[in-house]
Amino acid sequence: MAKAIHSMIRVLDEARSVEFYDKAFGLKSADRLDFDAFTLNYLRNDDADFELELTINKDQTEPYNLGDGYGHVAFCVDD
């Protein structure tokens, strides 16, 4: 059985995005992984296992255009 575990979007302003998703949906940072070129911030709430993965590319200086900010949906499967 497949289980959806997260959806990823690219954001320019991490703090602004985290504040928005907290106010709009009650999502809080559950895990944050910082790498040289990018940061991943996983947001969730206590009501669901599904997470929103914010990807912050450190070399990105301009806002993303509609269509190039979306990344992927992740699923966990038995095999």
Protein backbone atom coordinates (compact mmCIF):
# COMPACT_ATOMS: atom_id res chain seq x y z
CA MET A 1 0.00 0.00 0.00
CA ALA A 2 1.38 3.41 -0.96
CA LYS A 3 1.31 6.26 1.53
CA ALA A 4 1.80 9.93 0.62
CA ILE A 5 4.44 11.36 2.97
CA HIS A 6 5.20 14.87 1.71
CA SER A 7 4.92 17.42 -1.04
CA MET A 8 7.83 19.73 -1.92
CA ILE A 9 7.78 23.33 -3.06
CA ARG A 10 10.63 25.78 -3.59
CA VAL A 11 10.46 29.05 -1.68
CA LEU A 12 12.60 32.18 -1.78
CA ASP A 13 11.98 33.52 1.74
CA GLU A 14 12.05 30.74 4.33
CA ALA A 15 10.95 32.82 7.32
CA ARG A 16 8.03 34.38 5.45
CA SER A 17 6.93 30.98 4.13
CA VAL A 18 7.13 29.31 7.55
CA GLU A 19 5.09 32.14 9.07
CA PHE A 20 2.46 31.85 6.30
CA TYR A 21 2.00 28.07 6.64
CA ASP A 22 1.85 28.36 10.43
CA LYS A 23 -0.84 31.06 10.35
CA ALA A 24 -2.84 29.54 7.48
CA PHE A 25 -2.65 25.84 8.39
CA GLY A 26 -1.00 25.46 11.79
CA LEU A 27 2.09 23.82 10.26
CA LYS A 28 5.26 23.98 12.35
CA SER A 29 8.83 23.08 11.51
CA ALA A 30 9.30 19.39 12.37
CA ASP A 31 12.77 18.92 10.86
CA ARG A 32 15.26 21.22 9.16
CA LEU A 33 18.25 20.01 7.16
CA ASP A 34 20.86 22.56 6.08
CA PHE A 35 23.23 21.75 3.19
CA ASP A 36 25.78 23.88 1.33
CA ALA A 37 23.54 24.70 -1.64
CA PHE A 38 20.05 24.36 -0.15
CA THR A 39 17.98 23.93 3.01
CA LEU A 40 15.02 21.58 3.53
CA ASN A 41 12.40 22.54 6.11
CA TYR A 42 9.68 19.95 6.79
CA LEU A 43 6.44 21.43 8.14
CA ARG A 44 3.63 19.47 9.75
CA ASN A 45 0.93 19.60 12.39
CA ASP A 46 -0.14 17.09 15.03
CA ASP A 47 -3.29 16.10 13.11
CA ALA A 48 -1.57 14.39 10.15
CA ASP A 49 1.60 12.54 9.18
CA PHE A 50 1.78 14.32 5.81
CA GLU A 51 4.46 17.02 5.62
CA LEU A 52 5.12 20.04 3.44
CA GLU A 53 8.79 20.20 2.42
CA LEU A 54 10.03 23.73 1.80
CA THR A 55 13.18 23.77 -0.32
CA ILE A 56 15.27 26.91 -0.09
CA ASN A 57 17.93 27.06 -2.82
CA LYS A 58 20.64 29.38 -1.51
CA ASP A 59 21.64 30.70 -4.94
CA GLN A 60 18.06 31.71 -5.82
CA THR A 61 17.73 35.51 -5.78
CA GLU A 62 14.47 36.05 -7.68
CA PRO A 63 10.99 34.76 -6.83
CA TYR A 64 10.01 31.54 -8.59
CA ASN A 65 7.65 31.81 -11.55
CA LEU A 66 4.35 30.00 -11.47
CA GLY A 67 5.22 26.44 -12.46
CA ASP A 68 8.90 26.30 -11.53
CA GLY A 69 8.46 26.42 -7.77
CA TYR A 70 6.73 23.06 -7.47
CA GLY A 71 9.02 20.06 -6.95
CA HIS A 72 7.43 16.68 -6.17
CA VAL A 73 5.08 14.53 -4.14
CA ALA A 74 6.76 11.71 -2.17
CA PHE A 75 5.23 8.31 -1.46
CA CYS A 76 6.40 5.43 0.71
CA VAL A 77 5.71 1.94 -0.67
CA ASP A 78 6.18 -1.57 0.66
CA ASP A 79 8.64 -2.58 -2.07
